[in-house]
Protein backbone atom coordinates (compact mmCIF):
# COMPACT_ATOMS: atom_id res chain seq x y z
CA UNK A 1 123.63 15.74 -6.53
CA UNK A 2 123.17 15.09 -10.24
CA UNK A 3 125.20 13.74 -13.14
CA UNK A 4 127.77 16.15 -14.53
CA UNK A 5 125.95 17.36 -17.63
CA UNK A 6 122.39 18.31 -18.56
CA UNK A 7 121.59 15.30 -20.76
CA UNK A 8 119.31 13.63 -18.20
CA UNK A 9 117.97 16.66 -16.36
CA UNK A 10 114.56 16.27 -17.95
CA UNK A 11 114.20 12.55 -17.04
CA UNK A 12 115.28 13.28 -13.48
CA UNK A 13 113.31 16.58 -13.26
CA UNK A 14 116.35 18.35 -11.94
CA UNK A 15 114.83 21.83 -12.36
CA UNK A 16 111.72 20.81 -10.42
CA UNK A 17 113.90 19.53 -7.59
CA UNK A 18 115.98 22.69 -7.54
CA UNK A 19 112.74 24.71 -7.31
CA UNK A 20 111.82 22.74 -4.16
CA UNK A 21 115.30 23.46 -2.76
CA UNK A 22 114.87 27.20 -3.37
CA UNK A 23 111.51 27.19 -1.53
CA UNK A 24 113.11 25.39 1.39
CA UNK A 25 115.90 27.96 1.52
CA UNK A 26 113.47 30.92 1.44
CA UNK A 27 111.79 32.59 4.40
CA UNK A 28 108.43 30.96 3.59
CA UNK A 29 107.22 29.05 6.64
CA UNK A 30 105.56 25.75 5.65
CA UNK A 31 104.35 23.32 8.33
CA UNK A 32 102.63 20.50 6.38
CA UNK A 33 102.68 18.82 2.94
CA UNK A 34 99.42 20.51 1.82
CA UNK A 35 100.89 23.96 2.35
CA UNK A 36 104.06 22.86 0.48
CA UNK A 37 102.15 21.59 -2.59
CA UNK A 38 100.00 24.76 -2.73
CA UNK A 39 103.05 27.01 -2.43
CA UNK A 40 105.04 24.91 -4.94
CA UNK A 41 102.25 25.27 -7.63
CA UNK A 42 102.02 29.00 -7.02
CA UNK A 43 105.82 29.55 -7.29
CA UNK A 44 106.08 27.24 -10.31
CA UNK A 45 103.23 28.96 -12.19
CA UNK A 46 104.65 32.38 -11.34
CA UNK A 47 108.02 31.29 -12.78
CA UNK A 48 106.30 30.56 -16.10
CA UNK A 49 106.69 26.77 -16.17
CA UNK A 50 104.13 24.57 -17.94
CA UNK A 51 101.29 23.22 -15.81
CA UNK A 52 102.28 19.57 -16.55
CA UNK A 53 105.73 20.35 -15.18
CA UNK A 54 104.40 22.00 -12.05
CA UNK A 55 102.05 19.09 -11.26
CA UNK A 56 105.09 16.81 -10.80
CA UNK A 57 106.05 18.73 -7.61
CA UNK A 58 109.73 17.89 -8.21
CA UNK A 59 109.17 14.16 -8.77
CA UNK A 60 110.87 12.55 -11.83
CA UNK A 61 108.47 11.70 -14.69
CA UNK A 62 110.11 8.29 -15.23
CA UNK A 63 110.52 5.60 -12.50
CA UNK A 64 114.12 5.43 -11.29
CA UNK A 65 114.61 1.69 -11.94
CA UNK A 66 113.44 2.06 -15.54
CA UNK A 67 115.69 5.08 -16.03
CA UNK A 68 118.68 3.38 -14.34
CA UNK A 69 118.68 0.20 -16.41
CA UNK A 70 117.58 1.59 -19.78
CA UNK A 71 119.44 4.87 -20.06
CA UNK A 72 121.50 5.78 -17.05
CA UNK A 73 123.85 2.75 -17.13
CA UNK A 74 125.13 3.48 -20.62
CA UNK A 75 125.40 7.19 -19.94
CA UNK A 76 127.32 6.62 -16.72
CA UNK A 77 129.75 4.27 -18.48
CA UNK A 78 130.28 6.86 -21.19
CA UNK A 79 130.84 9.56 -18.60
CA UNK A 80 133.46 7.45 -16.84
CA UNK A 81 135.18 6.71 -20.14
CA UNK A 82 135.28 10.44 -20.96
CA UNK A 83 136.74 11.26 -17.55
CA UNK A 84 139.31 8.45 -17.96
CA UNK A 85 140.31 9.74 -21.38
CA UNK A 86 140.61 13.28 -20.08
CA UNK A 87 142.88 12.51 -17.11
CA UNK A 88 144.85 9.45 -18.26
CA UNK A 89 146.62 7.92 -21.24
CA UNK A 90 147.94 4.46 -22.10
CA UNK A 91 151.60 3.52 -21.73
CA UNK A 92 153.43 0.23 -22.42
CA UNK A 93 153.59 -2.09 -19.41
CA UNK A 94 153.92 -5.76 -18.48
CA UNK A 95 151.22 -8.25 -17.56
CA UNK A 96 151.52 -11.66 -15.89
CA UNK A 97 151.87 -14.82 -17.93
CA UNK A 98 150.45 -18.07 -16.65
CA UNK A 99 153.18 -20.68 -16.14
CA UNK A 100 153.70 -23.26 -18.84
CA UNK A 101 153.02 -26.55 -17.12
CA UNK A 102 152.61 -30.14 -18.17
CA UNK A 103 149.17 -31.19 -19.31
CA UNK A 104 148.84 -33.41 -16.25
CA UNK A 105 149.25 -30.56 -13.75
CA UNK A 106 146.22 -30.02 -11.57
CA UNK A 107 146.70 -27.54 -8.74
CA UNK A 108 143.44 -28.61 -7.13
CA UNK A 109 144.63 -32.23 -7.01
CA UNK A 110 147.98 -31.11 -5.51
CA UNK A 111 146.14 -29.22 -2.78
CA UNK A 112 143.91 -32.19 -1.99
CA UNK A 113 146.92 -34.53 -1.79
CA UNK A 114 148.67 -32.06 0.50
CA UNK A 115 145.64 -31.88 2.77
CA UNK A 116 145.55 -35.67 2.95
CA UNK A 117 149.21 -35.74 4.03
CA UNK A 118 148.41 -33.18 6.69
CA UNK A 119 145.59 -35.24 8.20
CA UNK A 120 147.76 -38.36 8.20
CA UNK A 121 150.41 -36.46 10.16
CA UNK A 122 147.98 -35.66 12.97
CA UNK A 123 147.87 -39.28 14.03
CA UNK A 124 151.62 -39.79 14.08
CA UNK A 125 154.27 -38.88 16.60
CA UNK A 126 156.50 -35.98 15.58
CA UNK A 127 159.23 -37.21 13.25
CA UNK A 128 161.66 -34.32 13.60
CA UNK A 129 163.94 -33.48 15.27
CA UNK A 130 164.94 -37.04 16.04
CA UNK A 131 167.99 -39.21 15.56
CA UNK A 132 170.00 -37.42 12.89
CA UNK A 133 172.51 -40.23 12.46
CA UNK A 134 175.41 -37.76 12.43
CA UNK A 135 178.62 -39.57 13.24
CA UNK A 136 181.10 -37.53 15.26
CA UNK A 137 184.17 -37.72 13.07
CA UNK A 138 187.39 -38.61 14.80
CA UNK A 139 190.63 -37.93 12.95
CA UNK A 140 192.96 -40.94 13.16
CA UNK A 141 194.82 -40.39 9.90
CA UNK A 142 197.79 -38.37 11.01
CA UNK A 143 196.13 -35.24 9.69
CA UNK A 144 196.75 -33.65 13.09
CA UNK A 145 200.40 -33.28 12.06
CA UNK A 146 199.44 -29.98 10.41
CA UNK A 147 201.25 -26.88 11.59
CA UNK A 148 197.97 -25.76 13.19
CA UNK A 149 195.85 -27.97 15.42
CA UNK A 150 193.67 -30.34 13.42
CA UNK A 151 190.70 -28.93 11.54
CA UNK A 152 188.76 -31.46 13.64
CA UNK A 153 189.71 -29.62 16.82
CA UNK A 154 187.58 -27.40 19.04
CA UNK A 155 185.72 -24.52 17.39
CA UNK A 156 184.69 -21.09 18.63
CA UNK A 157 181.07 -21.71 17.51
CA UNK A 158 178.80 -24.75 17.54
CA UNK A 159 178.26 -25.02 13.78
CA UNK A 160 180.49 -24.18 10.82
CA UNK A 161 179.81 -24.89 7.17
CA UNK A 162 179.14 -23.63 3.67
CA UNK A 163 176.09 -22.53 1.65
CA UNK A 164 175.46 -24.53 -1.53
CA UNK A 165 173.19 -22.22 -3.49
CA UNK A 166 171.72 -24.75 -5.89
CA UNK A 167 168.74 -22.47 -6.58
CA UNK A 168 170.93 -19.77 -8.11
CA UNK A 169 173.94 -21.85 -9.26
CA UNK A 170 172.55 -25.28 -10.15
CA UNK A 171 174.64 -28.44 -10.14
CA UNK A 172 173.71 -32.11 -10.06
CA UNK A 173 173.92 -34.55 -7.18
CA UNK A 174 177.40 -35.93 -8.11
CA UNK A 175 178.93 -32.47 -7.82
CA UNK A 176 177.26 -31.86 -4.47
CA UNK A 177 178.73 -35.14 -3.21
CA UNK A 178 182.19 -34.16 -4.45
CA UNK A 179 182.05 -30.84 -2.60
CA UNK A 180 181.03 -32.56 0.64
CA UNK A 181 183.75 -35.24 0.36
CA UNK A 182 186.61 -33.18 -1.08
CA UNK A 183 186.07 -29.77 0.54
CA UNK A 184 183.70 -29.72 3.50
CA UNK A 185 184.90 -32.91 5.19
CA UNK A 186 188.70 -32.34 4.95
CA UNK A 187 188.29 -28.86 6.45
CA UNK A 188 186.39 -30.21 9.45
CA UNK A 189 183.20 -28.23 8.73
CA UNK A 190 180.02 -29.80 10.07
CA UNK A 191 177.07 -28.20 8.22
CA UNK A 192 175.94 -27.83 4.61
CA UNK A 193 173.14 -25.35 3.96
CA UNK A 194 171.50 -26.19 0.61
CA UNK A 195 169.32 -23.48 -0.91
CA UNK A 196 166.65 -25.25 -2.96
CA UNK A 197 163.89 -22.66 -3.50
CA UNK A 198 164.57 -18.96 -4.03
CA UNK A 199 163.24 -16.05 -6.07
CA UNK A 200 164.77 -17.52 -9.22
CA UNK A 201 163.99 -21.23 -9.14
CA UNK A 202 162.48 -24.29 -7.54
CA UNK A 203 165.73 -26.18 -7.83
CA UNK A 204 165.13 -29.83 -7.07
CA UNK A 205 162.95 -32.63 -8.40
CA UNK A 206 160.43 -33.11 -5.61
CA UNK A 207 158.73 -36.50 -5.38
CA UNK A 208 155.51 -35.06 -3.99
CA UNK A 209 155.52 -31.82 -5.97
CA UNK A 210 157.25 -32.61 -9.25
CA UNK A 211 155.05 -30.07 -11.04
CA UNK A 212 156.64 -27.20 -9.14
CA UNK A 213 160.12 -27.80 -10.57
CA UNK A 214 161.31 -24.55 -12.14
CA UNK A 215 164.95 -24.33 -13.30
CA UNK A 216 164.80 -20.58 -13.64
CA UNK A 217 165.73 -18.50 -16.68
CA UNK A 218 168.83 -19.72 -18.51
CA UNK A 219 169.14 -22.95 -16.52
CA UNK A 220 166.93 -25.17 -18.66
CA UNK A 221 169.82 -27.53 -19.51
CA UNK A 222 171.40 -27.56 -16.03
CA UNK A 223 171.36 -30.59 -13.76
CA UNK A 224 169.41 -30.56 -10.51
CA UNK A 225 169.22 -33.02 -7.60
CA UNK A 226 166.12 -35.01 -6.72
CA UNK A 227 164.62 -35.82 -3.34
CA UNK A 228 166.23 -39.26 -3.60
CA UNK A 229 169.64 -37.70 -4.40
CA UNK A 230 169.36 -35.44 -1.37
CA UNK A 231 168.45 -38.37 0.86
CA UNK A 232 171.60 -40.21 -0.29
CA UNK A 233 173.71 -37.07 0.19
CA UNK A 234 172.37 -36.64 3.72
CA UNK A 235 173.29 -40.21 4.68
CA UNK A 236 176.74 -39.95 3.10
CA UNK A 237 177.45 -36.62 4.78
CA UNK A 238 176.23 -37.98 8.11
CA UNK A 239 178.91 -40.66 8.03
CA UNK A 240 181.48 -37.86 7.84
CA UNK A 241 179.97 -35.87 10.70
CA UNK A 242 178.27 -33.35 8.37
CA UNK A 243 174.64 -32.25 8.75
CA UNK A 244 172.37 -31.10 5.89
CA UNK A 245 170.20 -28.00 6.46
CA UNK A 246 167.87 -27.34 3.49
CA UNK A 247 166.65 -23.81 2.75
CA UNK A 248 163.44 -22.83 0.97
CA UNK A 249 161.53 -19.52 0.84
CA UNK A 250 157.95 -19.81 2.05
CA UNK A 251 156.54 -16.27 2.35
CA UNK A 252 158.66 -13.69 0.50
CA UNK A 253 161.54 -13.96 -2.00
CA UNK A 254 159.61 -16.96 -3.29
CA UNK A 255 159.43 -16.35 -7.04
CA UNK A 256 160.73 -19.86 -7.64
CA UNK A 257 157.24 -21.11 -6.69
CA UNK A 258 156.03 -19.59 -9.97
CA UNK A 259 154.65 -22.85 -11.37
CA UNK A 260 152.67 -23.51 -8.20
CA UNK A 261 150.55 -20.45 -9.07
CA UNK A 262 150.74 -19.22 -5.48
CA UNK A 263 152.93 -16.19 -6.35
CA UNK A 264 151.32 -12.78 -6.01
CA UNK A 265 151.00 -11.39 -9.54
CA UNK A 266 152.87 -8.10 -9.85
CA UNK A 267 154.50 -8.03 -13.28
CA UNK A 268 156.01 -4.54 -13.11
CA UNK A 269 157.48 -5.11 -9.66
CA UNK A 270 158.97 -8.40 -10.85
CA UNK A 271 160.50 -6.82 -13.95
CA UNK A 272 162.01 -4.01 -11.91
CA UNK A 273 163.54 -6.09 -9.11
CA UNK A 274 163.54 -9.73 -10.21
CA UNK A 275 163.16 -10.74 -6.55
CA UNK A 276 161.23 -10.14 -3.30
CA UNK A 277 158.21 -11.88 -4.88
CA UNK A 278 155.76 -12.92 -2.11
CA UNK A 279 153.31 -15.77 -1.91
CA UNK A 280 149.56 -15.15 -1.74
CA UNK A 281 149.30 -15.68 2.00
CA UNK A 282 145.53 -15.17 1.94
CA UNK A 283 145.10 -18.28 -0.23
CA UNK A 284 143.85 -20.97 2.16
CA UNK A 285 145.18 -23.71 -0.13
CA UNK A 286 148.78 -22.60 0.33
CA UNK A 287 149.20 -23.70 3.97
CA UNK A 288 148.71 -27.45 3.31
CA UNK A 289 150.97 -27.31 0.26
CA UNK A 290 153.76 -25.58 2.21
CA UNK A 291 153.27 -28.10 5.03
CA UNK A 292 153.52 -31.00 2.59
CA UNK A 293 156.72 -29.68 1.00
CA UNK A 294 158.43 -29.06 4.36
CA UNK A 295 157.39 -32.54 5.46
CA UNK A 296 159.25 -33.92 2.44
CA UNK A 297 162.35 -31.83 3.20
CA UNK A 298 162.54 -33.29 6.70
CA UNK A 299 163.37 -36.66 5.17
CA UNK A 300 166.90 -35.46 4.47
CA UNK A 301 167.23 -32.69 7.08
CA UNK A 302 169.98 -34.08 9.31
CA UNK A 303 170.72 -30.71 10.96
CA UNK A 304 168.85 -29.75 14.13
CA UNK A 305 167.66 -26.73 12.10
CA UNK A 306 165.64 -26.13 8.95
CA UNK A 307 165.82 -22.86 7.00
CA UNK A 308 162.58 -21.26 5.78
CA UNK A 309 164.08 -18.35 3.87
CA UNK A 310 163.21 -14.68 3.97
CA UNK A 311 160.72 -12.41 5.74
CA UNK A 312 160.94 -9.23 3.61
CA UNK A 313 157.59 -7.68 4.47
CA UNK A 314 158.43 -4.10 3.51
CA UNK A 315 160.32 -5.01 0.34
CA UNK A 316 157.42 -7.12 -0.94
CA UNK A 317 154.66 -4.64 -0.02
CA UNK A 318 154.68 -2.84 -3.42
CA UNK A 319 153.99 -6.19 -5.08
CA UNK A 320 150.77 -6.62 -3.08
CA UNK A 321 149.73 -3.05 -3.89
CA UNK A 322 150.34 -3.50 -7.60
CA UNK A 323 148.38 -6.75 -7.63
CA UNK A 324 145.46 -4.92 -6.04
CA UNK A 325 145.30 -7.74 -3.55
CA UNK A 326 142.26 -7.43 -1.25
CA UNK A 327 144.71 -7.60 1.65
CA UNK A 328 146.71 -4.44 1.08
CA UNK A 329 148.61 -5.34 4.23
CA UNK A 330 148.81 -9.15 4.18
CA UNK A 331 148.40 -10.98 7.45
CA UNK A 332 151.98 -12.26 7.67
CA UNK A 333 151.70 -13.02 11.38
CA UNK A 334 148.50 -15.00 10.85
CA UNK A 335 150.12 -17.08 8.12
CA UNK A 336 153.28 -17.73 10.12
CA UNK A 337 151.29 -18.64 13.23
CA UNK A 338 149.05 -21.08 11.34
CA UNK A 339 152.00 -22.69 9.54
CA UNK A 340 153.82 -23.00 12.86
CA UNK A 341 150.80 -24.72 14.42
CA UNK A 342 150.61 -27.38 11.71
CA UNK A 343 154.39 -27.88 11.53
CA UNK A 344 154.37 -28.55 15.25
CA UNK A 345 152.72 -31.86 14.33
CA UNK A 346 156.01 -32.82 12.69
CA UNK A 347 158.14 -31.69 15.61
CA UNK A 348 159.18 -28.47 13.82
CA UNK A 349 159.15 -25.80 16.50
CA UNK A 350 160.13 -22.16 16.13
CA UNK A 351 163.39 -22.61 18.04
CA UNK A 352 164.53 -25.00 15.26
CA UNK A 353 163.66 -22.69 12.34
CA UNK A 354 166.16 -20.29 10.76
CA UNK A 355 165.19 -17.18 8.76
CA UNK A 356 167.30 -14.58 6.95
CA UNK A 357 167.51 -11.15 8.49
CA UNK A 358 165.40 -8.71 6.46
CA UNK A 359 166.36 -5.32 5.06
CA UNK A 360 164.47 -3.47 7.79
CA UNK A 361 166.47 -5.49 10.35
CA UNK A 362 163.31 -6.38 12.25
CA UNK A 363 162.57 -9.70 13.88
CA UNK A 364 158.78 -9.56 13.71
CA UNK A 365 157.05 -10.85 16.81
CA UNK A 366 154.86 -13.30 14.90
CA UNK A 367 157.61 -14.74 12.70
CA UNK A 368 158.06 -18.49 12.60
CA UNK A 369 161.76 -18.94 13.31
CA UNK A 370 163.54 -17.84 16.47
CA UNK A 371 166.94 -18.05 14.79
CA UNK A 372 168.13 -15.31 12.44
CA UNK A 373 170.80 -15.74 9.79
CA UNK A 374 172.61 -12.53 8.92
CA UNK A 375 173.73 -11.62 5.39
CA UNK A 376 177.49 -11.65 4.72
CA UNK A 377 179.75 -9.50 6.88
CA UNK A 378 176.91 -8.38 9.18
CA UNK A 379 176.28 -9.72 12.66
CA UNK A 380 172.87 -9.50 14.26
CA UNK A 381 173.54 -10.64 17.80
CA UNK A 382 174.18 -8.88 21.05
CA UNK A 383 177.80 -8.42 22.14
CA UNK A 384 179.35 -11.27 24.10
CA UNK A 385 178.99 -9.17 27.27
CA UNK A 386 175.48 -7.65 27.66
CA UNK A 387 175.60 -3.86 27.80
CA UNK A 388 172.07 -2.99 28.91
CA UNK A 389 169.08 -4.20 30.91
CA UNK A 390 165.34 -3.55 30.90
CA UNK A 391 163.33 -1.46 33.38
CA UNK A 392 163.47 -4.24 35.98
CA UNK A 393 167.22 -4.60 35.66
CA UNK A 394 166.91 -7.93 33.87
CA UNK A 395 169.39 -8.48 31.05
CA UNK A 396 167.47 -9.53 27.89
CA UNK A 397 168.39 -12.95 26.55
CA UNK A 398 170.49 -13.17 23.43
CA UNK A 399 168.60 -14.14 20.31
CA UNK A 400 170.29 -17.09 18.58
CA UNK A 401 171.77 -16.26 15.20
CA UNK A 402 173.94 -17.58 12.39
CA UNK A 403 176.64 -15.44 10.82
CA UNK A 404 177.56 -15.52 7.11
CA UNK A 405 180.94 -14.71 5.57
CA UNK A 406 181.28 -14.14 1.83
CA UNK A 407 184.62 -15.86 1.26
CA UNK A 408 184.79 -14.50 -2.30
CA UNK A 409 185.58 -11.04 -0.95
CA UNK A 410 189.16 -10.11 -0.17
CA UNK A 411 192.12 -12.37 0.47
CA UNK A 412 192.80 -14.94 3.21
CA UNK A 413 193.55 -12.35 5.89
CA UNK A 414 190.23 -10.56 5.38
CA UNK A 415 188.36 -13.88 5.40
CA UNK A 416 190.12 -15.01 8.59
CA UNK A 417 189.75 -11.71 10.47
CA UNK A 418 186.07 -11.30 9.45
CA UNK A 419 185.28 -14.84 10.57
CA UNK A 420 187.23 -14.49 13.80
CA UNK A 421 185.56 -11.18 14.63
CA UNK A 422 182.12 -12.63 13.95
CA UNK A 423 182.84 -15.66 16.15
CA UNK A 424 183.63 -13.29 19.03
CA UNK A 425 179.99 -12.09 18.95
CA UNK A 426 178.80 -15.57 19.98
CA UNK A 427 176.64 -16.80 17.08
CA UNK A 428 175.53 -20.40 17.20
CA UNK A 429 177.15 -20.94 13.83
CA UNK A 430 178.95 -19.31 10.89
CA UNK A 431 178.35 -20.23 7.26
CA UNK A 432 180.59 -19.47 4.27
CA UNK A 433 178.93 -18.08 1.15
CA UNK A 434 180.92 -19.47 -1.76
CA UNK A 435 178.95 -18.60 -4.91
CA UNK A 436 179.39 -20.71 -8.05
CA UNK A 437 179.69 -24.45 -7.51
CA UNK A 438 181.21 -25.91 -10.69
CA UNK A 439 184.75 -27.40 -10.57
CA UNK A 440 185.90 -24.69 -12.98
CA UNK A 441 184.65 -21.89 -10.72
CA UNK A 442 186.08 -23.55 -7.61
CA UNK A 443 189.48 -23.69 -9.26
CA UNK A 444 189.62 -20.18 -10.71
CA UNK A 445 188.29 -18.64 -7.48
CA UNK A 446 190.80 -20.63 -5.36
CA UNK A 447 187.79 -21.63 -3.29
CA UNK A 448 189.50 -24.42 -1.37
CA UNK A 449 192.24 -22.01 -0.29
CA UNK A 450 189.68 -19.38 0.73
CA UNK A 451 187.83 -21.94 2.80
CA UNK A 452 191.05 -22.85 4.63
CA UNK A 453 191.20 -19.24 5.87
CA UNK A 454 187.52 -19.47 6.86
CA UNK A 455 188.05 -22.70 8.77
CA UNK A 456 191.11 -21.28 10.54
CA UNK A 457 188.99 -18.32 11.65
CA UNK A 458 186.60 -20.62 13.53
CA UNK A 459 189.24 -22.68 15.37
CA UNK A 460 189.60 -22.20 19.11
CA UNK A 461 193.26 -21.19 19.04
CA UNK A 462 195.01 -17.93 19.98
CA UNK A 463 194.14 -15.08 17.63
CA UNK A 464 196.94 -14.19 15.20
CA UNK A 465 198.26 -10.92 13.85
CA UNK A 466 198.31 -10.43 10.10
CA UNK A 467 201.99 -11.35 9.87
CA UNK A 468 201.48 -14.48 11.99
CA UNK A 469 198.43 -15.50 9.98
CA UNK A 470 200.14 -15.17 6.58
CA UNK A 471 202.92 -17.48 7.78
CA UNK A 472 200.59 -20.01 9.37
CA UNK A 473 198.21 -19.98 6.39
CA UNK A 474 201.00 -20.78 3.93
CA UNK A 475 202.21 -23.71 6.06
CA UNK A 476 198.71 -25.01 6.74
CA UNK A 477 197.67 -24.67 3.10
CA UNK A 478 200.65 -26.69 1.87
CA UNK A 479 200.25 -29.34 4.59
CA UNK A 480 196.55 -29.62 3.80
CA UNK A 481 197.00 -30.20 0.08
CA UNK A 482 199.98 -32.47 0.59
CA UNK A 483 197.76 -34.69 2.67
CA UNK A 484 194.89 -34.42 0.17
CA UNK A 485 197.20 -35.45 -2.67
CA UNK A 486 197.57 -38.88 -1.09
CA UNK A 487 193.96 -39.54 -2.05
CA UNK A 488 194.00 -40.80 -5.63
CA UNK A 489 190.39 -39.63 -6.02
CA UNK A 490 191.53 -36.02 -5.68
CA UNK A 491 194.35 -35.58 -8.25
CA UNK A 492 193.59 -31.88 -8.71
CA UNK A 493 194.56 -31.19 -5.11
CA UNK A 494 198.15 -32.23 -5.81
CA UNK A 495 198.64 -29.26 -8.14
CA UNK A 496 198.64 -26.81 -5.21
CA UNK A 497 202.30 -26.04 -4.57
CA UNK A 498 204.03 -24.47 -1.61
CA UNK A 499 204.79 -21.41 -3.73
CA UNK A 500 201.10 -20.97 -4.56
CA UNK A 501 200.16 -21.24 -0.89
CA UNK A 502 202.69 -18.55 0.04
CA UNK A 503 201.62 -16.29 -2.81
CA UNK A 504 197.91 -16.62 -2.07
CA UNK A 505 198.47 -16.09 1.66
CA UNK A 506 199.45 -12.47 0.98
CA UNK A 507 196.80 -11.77 -1.69
CA UNK A 508 194.00 -9.27 -1.09
CA UNK A 509 191.81 -9.39 -4.21
CA UNK A 510 188.25 -10.59 -4.62
CA UNK A 511 187.44 -13.86 -6.38
CA UNK A 512 187.56 -13.53 -10.20
CA UNK A 513 183.89 -14.51 -10.61
CA UNK A 514 182.87 -11.65 -8.31
CA UNK A 515 185.04 -9.16 -10.17
CA UNK A 516 183.67 -10.20 -13.56
CA UNK A 517 180.05 -9.97 -12.45
CA UNK A 518 179.05 -8.23 -9.25
CA UNK A 519 176.04 -9.32 -7.23
CA UNK A 520 174.20 -6.16 -8.28
CA UNK A 521 174.76 -6.83 -11.99
CA UNK A 522 173.85 -10.43 -11.52
CA UNK A 523 170.47 -9.49 -10.09
CA UNK A 524 169.86 -7.02 -12.92
CA UNK A 525 170.47 -9.81 -15.43
CA UNK A 526 168.20 -12.11 -13.44
CA UNK A 527 165.46 -9.47 -13.34
CA UNK A 528 165.55 -9.11 -17.14
CA UNK A 529 165.51 -12.85 -17.72
CA UNK A 530 162.76 -13.48 -15.17
CA UNK A 531 160.70 -10.64 -16.62
CA UNK A 532 160.84 -12.18 -20.08
CA UNK A 533 159.99 -15.64 -18.75
CA UNK A 534 157.04 -14.77 -16.51
CA UNK A 535 155.42 -11.67 -18.02
CA UNK A 536 154.04 -10.40 -21.35
CA UNK A 537 153.67 -6.98 -23.01
CA UNK A 538 150.58 -5.05 -21.89
CA UNK A 539 149.26 -1.50 -21.61
CA UNK A 540 148.36 0.45 -18.49
CA UNK A 541 146.85 3.83 -17.70
CA UNK A 542 149.01 6.69 -16.43
CA UNK A 543 147.94 10.17 -15.30
CA UNK A 544 148.47 13.00 -17.75
CA UNK A 545 150.57 15.99 -16.82
CA UNK A 546 148.29 18.55 -15.18
CA UNK A 547 149.18 21.15 -17.82
CA UNK A 548 147.92 18.90 -20.61
CA UNK A 549 144.50 18.14 -19.06
CA UNK A 550 141.65 19.71 -21.01
CA UNK A 551 139.55 22.26 -19.13
CA UNK A 552 136.14 23.72 -19.80
CA UNK A 553 137.82 26.80 -21.26
CA UNK A 554 140.12 24.81 -23.55
CA UNK A 555 137.16 22.74 -24.75
CA UNK A 556 135.22 25.96 -25.49
CA UNK A 557 132.33 24.93 -23.28
CA UNK A 558 132.36 28.22 -21.37
CA UNK A 559 131.60 31.61 -22.87
């Protein structure tokens, strides 16, 4: 085939070549090159072509290499530009901005340090899980005089606690300590899940990776804990029988890693969603960095589990496609398998790793993390009594899972009944999602009262009807805060009256913070803010409408 256009037909002797094609398609029988050349000259002369033209026998007059580099390259570029202009047009878009980092940041140095930490770990015994120093708390204070059995009594599940989402609602270490002492401990909960790295931020001051700290849009003046703070919190909580389970995102929903420069660059996807940003899993430097960060987290992980975030493979796929990543379908399983192999050196095995359930509700075979945590109000475990078996009649084992209850939704009865119903499905634990963490938000959302209903829902006591629960909640609420008021360090607890407990017991509304700003609106705001922080204005090409594309007829090139 030849270039579209006749500009270079002479240099490439296109007519001479077409003449050879016509001879080959005729009924002339030629058996050797001599016969072909003789016939070609005869046909060429008969057609009226010049003798110099016929003596070429279809060969180009100019060597191809000379033609290609001197003339063809520019012509081909021009042809492509013309085609591009004909079929496409430019529209406003967004491009990626490089993170603003301190002058001392050197990603290559960070990677080398991380690799060094990895090699040092090979020659050590696994450090986790080990002795978590969690003291089993025994209640000897008379608190068991509550109308219900003590909050330190037997539970329906092994682990109960709350999610402190520092990555999305930042607070400093003192506030985290207050929540553990004044809320988690008095209610007899035993686990605190601290989200430190999400799509929005890298929300703690890491000793080994200080350059990665990213407060997220709008949180530049907020306070964040450090690795040292979290170590102190873990020890303090352990004395009260409370374990710390940190959560970071390592593969998807990891936009908070922005300053590490391991995020896949997909500006339009980011501006549209504000989340589901994946890491460049094909980057060989990322594995040792992720290993090094998890190794640091284990210093204050007093829970038998560590949470490695999301596995949203389908949700993040458009980001890879937009970035024109060489791996259109990233090797998630390969990354997870390799990370699992190196984490095994630290004693981190898949049966100790928790991951969020994804939107496609698929536990991928190669995922690191045997334990799934379900989003609020959804359970992802088999019923307590198995209902099916495989072809051999063997009942499949239950996959371990954590449940999550959004205690901002509904009143005490809904919180209690949702928690109780989830506990009946046999999760290994249930966590309460509480949202904003400031004292002001705790007070206006009546968070301590909501968490009483949550804690009651996990106690191993006879299940109550709605009428029974409202009565018991009011009595338990008042008894709880009466006891708390004895502690001079908690003067705000004394303001909860018996009348308030009775009134709130029958309430059904959502928490004020959730009414004022829904989760959907919150993510829209986050998407806009993140877009402005991490991208810049750019232009991109879009296809024209087919009716507006110029044709040969419209360009008057045909008669």
